[in-house]
Amino acid sequence: MTQNELAGLLGVSSGHLSRLINGRRCPSPSMRRRLMDVLGCSEFDDLFVVVVCDE
């Protein structure tokens, strides 16, 4: 599946998906669920690494 195809299945632009993939945007809860559903993942951690940053 290409990035453009995945973006289409998710209902977002390929640019928005690129920003999610590259860590420049954080996925909303509904986007996390759509990603998990489309990609067949049961855990969000299968898709992304969660990094906690000190402020």
N, C-alpha and C. Protein backbone atom coordinates (compact mmCIF):
# COMPACT_ATOMS: atom_id res chain seq x y z
N MET A 1 0.85 -1.17 0.00
CA MET A 1 0.00 0.00 0.00
C MET A 1 0.90 1.23 0.00
N THR A 2 0.57 2.19 -0.84
CA THR A 2 1.34 3.43 -0.88
C THR A 2 0.83 4.40 0.17
N GLN A 3 1.64 5.42 0.42
CA GLN A 3 1.23 6.45 1.37
C GLN A 3 -0.03 7.16 0.88
N ASN A 4 -0.13 7.40 -0.42
CA ASN A 4 -1.32 8.04 -0.98
C ASN A 4 -2.56 7.16 -0.80
N GLU A 5 -2.40 5.85 -1.00
CA GLU A 5 -3.53 4.94 -0.80
C GLU A 5 -3.97 4.92 0.66
N LEU A 6 -3.00 4.88 1.57
CA LEU A 6 -3.33 4.89 3.00
C LEU A 6 -4.03 6.18 3.38
N ALA A 7 -3.52 7.30 2.89
CA ALA A 7 -4.16 8.59 3.17
C ALA A 7 -5.61 8.59 2.70
N GLY A 8 -5.86 8.03 1.52
CA GLY A 8 -7.22 7.96 1.00
C GLY A 8 -8.12 7.11 1.88
N LEU A 9 -7.62 5.98 2.34
CA LEU A 9 -8.41 5.12 3.22
C LEU A 9 -8.71 5.80 4.56
N LEU A 10 -7.78 6.64 5.00
CA LEU A 10 -7.95 7.35 6.28
C LEU A 10 -8.78 8.62 6.13
N GLY A 11 -8.94 9.09 4.90
CA GLY A 11 -9.70 10.32 4.66
C GLY A 11 -8.92 11.58 4.97
N VAL A 12 -7.59 11.51 4.80
CA VAL A 12 -6.74 12.68 5.02
C VAL A 12 -5.86 12.89 3.80
N SER A 13 -5.22 14.05 3.73
CA SER A 13 -4.30 14.31 2.63
C SER A 13 -3.01 13.54 2.85
N SER A 14 -2.28 13.30 1.78
CA SER A 14 -0.99 12.61 1.91
C SER A 14 -0.01 13.48 2.70
N GLY A 15 -0.15 14.81 2.61
CA GLY A 15 0.70 15.71 3.38
C GLY A 15 0.47 15.57 4.87
N HIS A 16 -0.81 15.47 5.26
CA HIS A 16 -1.13 15.30 6.69
C HIS A 16 -0.59 13.96 7.19
N LEU A 17 -0.77 12.92 6.41
CA LEU A 17 -0.26 11.61 6.80
C LEU A 17 1.26 11.64 6.91
N SER A 18 1.92 12.32 6.01
CA SER A 18 3.38 12.45 6.06
C SER A 18 3.82 13.12 7.36
N ARG A 19 3.11 14.17 7.76
CA ARG A 19 3.45 14.86 9.02
C ARG A 19 3.25 13.94 10.22
N LEU A 20 2.23 13.09 10.19
CA LEU A 20 2.03 12.12 11.27
C LEU A 20 3.17 11.11 11.31
N ILE A 21 3.52 10.58 10.16
CA ILE A 21 4.57 9.57 10.06
C ILE A 21 5.91 10.13 10.52
N ASN A 22 6.18 11.37 10.17
CA ASN A 22 7.48 11.98 10.50
C ASN A 22 7.52 12.64 11.87
N GLY A 23 6.43 12.53 12.62
CA GLY A 23 6.41 13.04 13.98
C GLY A 23 6.23 14.54 14.11
N ARG A 24 5.84 15.20 13.04
CA ARG A 24 5.62 16.65 13.11
C ARG A 24 4.21 16.99 13.57
N ARG A 25 3.33 15.99 13.57
CA ARG A 25 1.95 16.15 14.08
C ARG A 25 1.64 14.94 14.94
N CYS A 26 0.78 15.14 15.91
CA CYS A 26 0.31 14.04 16.77
C CYS A 26 -1.07 13.60 16.29
N PRO A 27 -1.29 12.30 16.16
CA PRO A 27 -2.60 11.84 15.72
C PRO A 27 -3.66 12.03 16.81
N SER A 28 -4.83 12.46 16.41
CA SER A 28 -5.95 12.59 17.34
C SER A 28 -6.40 11.18 17.74
N PRO A 29 -7.19 11.08 18.80
CA PRO A 29 -7.71 9.75 19.18
C PRO A 29 -8.48 9.06 18.05
N SER A 30 -9.27 9.82 17.29
CA SER A 30 -10.01 9.19 16.19
C SER A 30 -9.08 8.75 15.07
N MET A 31 -8.02 9.52 14.82
CA MET A 31 -7.04 9.12 13.80
C MET A 31 -6.28 7.88 14.24
N ARG A 32 -5.95 7.79 15.52
CA ARG A 32 -5.29 6.59 16.04
C ARG A 32 -6.15 5.36 15.78
N ARG A 33 -7.43 5.47 16.07
CA ARG A 33 -8.35 4.35 15.88
C ARG A 33 -8.45 3.99 14.40
N ARG A 34 -8.56 4.99 13.51
CA ARG A 34 -8.65 4.71 12.07
C ARG A 34 -7.37 4.04 11.58
N LEU A 35 -6.21 4.52 12.03
CA LEU A 35 -4.94 3.90 11.65
C LEU A 35 -4.90 2.44 12.09
N MET A 36 -5.28 2.20 13.32
CA MET A 36 -5.27 0.83 13.84
C MET A 36 -6.23 -0.06 13.06
N ASP A 37 -7.41 0.45 12.74
CA ASP A 37 -8.40 -0.33 11.98
C ASP A 37 -7.91 -0.64 10.57
N VAL A 38 -7.42 0.38 9.88
CA VAL A 38 -6.98 0.21 8.48
C VAL A 38 -5.77 -0.71 8.40
N LEU A 39 -4.84 -0.59 9.35
CA LEU A 39 -3.60 -1.37 9.31
C LEU A 39 -3.70 -2.69 10.06
N GLY A 40 -4.84 -2.94 10.71
CA GLY A 40 -5.04 -4.21 11.39
C GLY A 40 -4.20 -4.39 12.64
N CYS A 41 -3.97 -3.31 13.36
CA CYS A 41 -3.19 -3.36 14.60
C CYS A 41 -4.13 -3.34 15.80
N SER A 42 -3.74 -4.06 16.84
CA SER A 42 -4.57 -4.06 18.04
C SER A 42 -4.05 -3.09 19.10
N GLU A 43 -2.80 -2.67 18.96
CA GLU A 43 -2.19 -1.77 19.94
C GLU A 43 -1.61 -0.55 19.23
N PHE A 44 -1.84 0.63 19.80
CA PHE A 44 -1.29 1.86 19.22
C PHE A 44 0.24 1.80 19.19
N ASP A 45 0.83 1.17 20.20
CA ASP A 45 2.29 1.07 20.27
C ASP A 45 2.88 0.26 19.12
N ASP A 46 2.05 -0.51 18.41
CA ASP A 46 2.52 -1.23 17.23
C ASP A 46 2.83 -0.26 16.09
N LEU A 47 2.23 0.93 16.14
CA LEU A 47 2.38 1.91 15.06
C LEU A 47 3.36 3.02 15.38
N PHE A 48 3.34 3.50 16.61
CA PHE A 48 4.12 4.67 16.98
C PHE A 48 4.89 4.42 18.27
N VAL A 49 5.99 5.14 18.41
CA VAL A 49 6.74 5.15 19.66
C VAL A 49 6.33 6.41 20.40
N VAL A 50 5.90 6.25 21.64
CA VAL A 50 5.49 7.40 22.45
C VAL A 50 6.71 7.88 23.22
N VAL A 51 7.05 9.16 23.04
CA VAL A 51 8.20 9.75 23.70
C VAL A 51 7.71 10.83 24.64
N VAL A 52 8.13 10.75 25.90
CA VAL A 52 7.78 11.76 26.89
C VAL A 52 8.94 12.75 26.97
N CYS A 53 8.63 14.01 26.78
CA CYS A 53 9.65 15.06 26.81
C CYS A 53 9.47 15.91 28.05
N ASP A 54 10.58 16.25 28.69
CA ASP A 54 10.53 17.18 29.82
C ASP A 54 10.33 18.58 29.30
N GLU A 55 9.52 19.35 30.00
CA GLU A 55 9.28 20.73 29.57
C GLU A 55 10.16 21.68 30.33
